[in-house]
């Protein structure tokens, strides 16, 4: 099954919280990474089937933008990332995220 990774970066924590919430509620995806970027920017990454990640990122963008004071700075979807990308970047399923993985 083709897997993808979708990433959203926002300005401010409330916007990333709303985006992450919308992402997992709107599609069958798993959050695999979240962290502070810099200067009040936050990042969340999800994994799942390509169609699910597309739907998830769309919902996350809307939720992040609708948050009071929230701003979605950038977003990106990578369908079928190669193994070398998965081994270097923090986008793979880990022991911590595995219980929430949707097959």
Protein backbone atom coordinates (compact mmCIF):
# COMPACT_ATOMS: atom_id res chain seq x y z
CA UNK A 1 0.00 0.00 0.00
CA UNK A 2 1.49 3.38 -0.98
CA UNK A 3 2.40 5.44 2.08
CA UNK A 4 2.95 9.18 2.28
CA UNK A 5 4.14 11.76 4.76
CA UNK A 6 2.44 15.11 5.23
CA UNK A 7 3.90 18.05 7.13
CA UNK A 8 2.37 21.31 8.34
CA UNK A 9 4.29 24.21 9.90
CA UNK A 10 2.39 26.90 11.80
CA UNK A 11 3.11 30.05 13.70
CA UNK A 12 2.04 29.54 17.32
CA UNK A 13 1.17 26.49 19.38
CA UNK A 14 -2.66 26.81 19.27
CA UNK A 15 -2.60 26.62 15.48
CA UNK A 16 -0.48 23.42 15.43
CA UNK A 17 -2.66 21.87 18.12
CA UNK A 18 -5.79 22.57 16.08
CA UNK A 19 -4.11 21.35 12.89
CA UNK A 20 -2.89 18.09 14.47
CA UNK A 21 -6.31 17.45 16.00
CA UNK A 22 -8.07 17.99 12.67
CA UNK A 23 -5.51 15.87 10.83
CA UNK A 24 -6.04 12.74 12.91
CA UNK A 25 -9.81 13.20 13.12
CA UNK A 26 -10.37 13.70 9.40
CA UNK A 27 -8.39 10.77 8.03
CA UNK A 28 -6.71 7.51 8.97
CA UNK A 29 -3.22 8.86 9.70
CA UNK A 30 -0.71 8.64 12.54
CA UNK A 31 1.31 11.52 13.94
CA UNK A 32 4.95 10.48 13.65
CA UNK A 33 6.68 13.75 14.52
CA UNK A 34 5.98 17.05 16.22
CA UNK A 35 8.36 19.69 17.50
CA UNK A 36 9.20 23.37 17.74
CA UNK A 37 10.92 24.73 14.65
CA UNK A 38 12.10 28.24 15.61
CA UNK A 39 10.72 31.70 16.39
CA UNK A 40 7.35 30.41 17.59
CA UNK A 41 6.97 27.97 14.70
CA UNK A 42 5.78 24.42 15.22
CA UNK A 43 5.79 21.36 12.94
CA UNK A 44 3.63 18.24 12.82
CA UNK A 45 4.11 15.27 10.46
CA UNK A 46 1.67 12.45 9.76
CA UNK A 47 1.97 9.15 7.89
CA UNK A 48 -0.65 7.07 6.17
CA UNK A 49 -1.94 6.12 2.75
CA UNK A 50 -1.50 8.81 0.12
CA UNK A 51 -5.21 9.64 -0.17
CA UNK A 52 -5.59 9.78 3.62
CA UNK A 53 -2.58 12.09 4.04
CA UNK A 54 -3.93 14.42 1.34
CA UNK A 55 -7.28 14.68 3.14
CA UNK A 56 -5.54 15.05 6.49
CA UNK A 57 -3.27 17.90 5.40
CA UNK A 58 -6.21 19.76 3.83
CA UNK A 59 -8.14 19.55 7.11
CA UNK A 60 -5.08 20.58 9.11
CA UNK A 61 -4.51 23.66 6.96
CA UNK A 62 -8.10 24.78 7.40
CA UNK A 63 -8.04 24.21 11.16
CA UNK A 64 -4.70 25.99 11.59
CA UNK A 65 -5.86 29.01 9.62
CA UNK A 66 -9.18 29.20 11.50
CA UNK A 67 -7.45 29.29 14.88
CA UNK A 68 -7.46 32.77 16.41
CA UNK A 69 -4.08 34.31 15.60
CA UNK A 70 -3.03 31.12 13.83
CA UNK A 71 -1.10 31.05 10.60
CA UNK A 72 -0.10 28.08 8.48
CA UNK A 73 3.36 28.98 7.18
CA UNK A 74 3.96 26.02 4.91
CA UNK A 75 2.86 22.47 4.19
CA UNK A 76 4.09 19.62 2.05
CA UNK A 77 3.13 16.06 1.10
CA UNK A 78 5.64 13.43 -0.02
CA UNK A 79 4.01 10.36 -1.57
CA UNK A 80 6.05 7.17 -1.25
CA UNK A 81 9.20 8.57 0.37
CA UNK A 82 12.25 6.39 -0.39
CA UNK A 83 13.92 4.36 2.35
CA UNK A 84 16.98 6.60 2.52
CA UNK A 85 14.75 9.61 3.29
CA UNK A 86 12.93 7.64 5.98
CA UNK A 87 16.19 6.57 7.60
CA UNK A 88 17.59 10.12 7.80
CA UNK A 89 14.52 12.25 8.59
CA UNK A 90 12.27 11.73 11.63
CA UNK A 91 9.25 10.55 9.63
CA UNK A 92 9.26 6.82 10.35
CA UNK A 93 7.04 4.92 12.74
CA UNK A 94 8.72 4.50 16.11
CA UNK A 95 8.06 2.39 19.18
CA UNK A 96 6.24 5.40 20.62
CA UNK A 97 3.95 5.87 17.59
CA UNK A 98 3.43 2.21 16.67
CA UNK A 99 0.40 1.67 18.99
CA UNK A 100 -1.44 4.41 17.09
CA UNK A 101 -0.52 3.18 13.62
CA UNK A 102 -3.49 2.59 11.34
CA UNK A 103 -3.02 -0.31 8.94
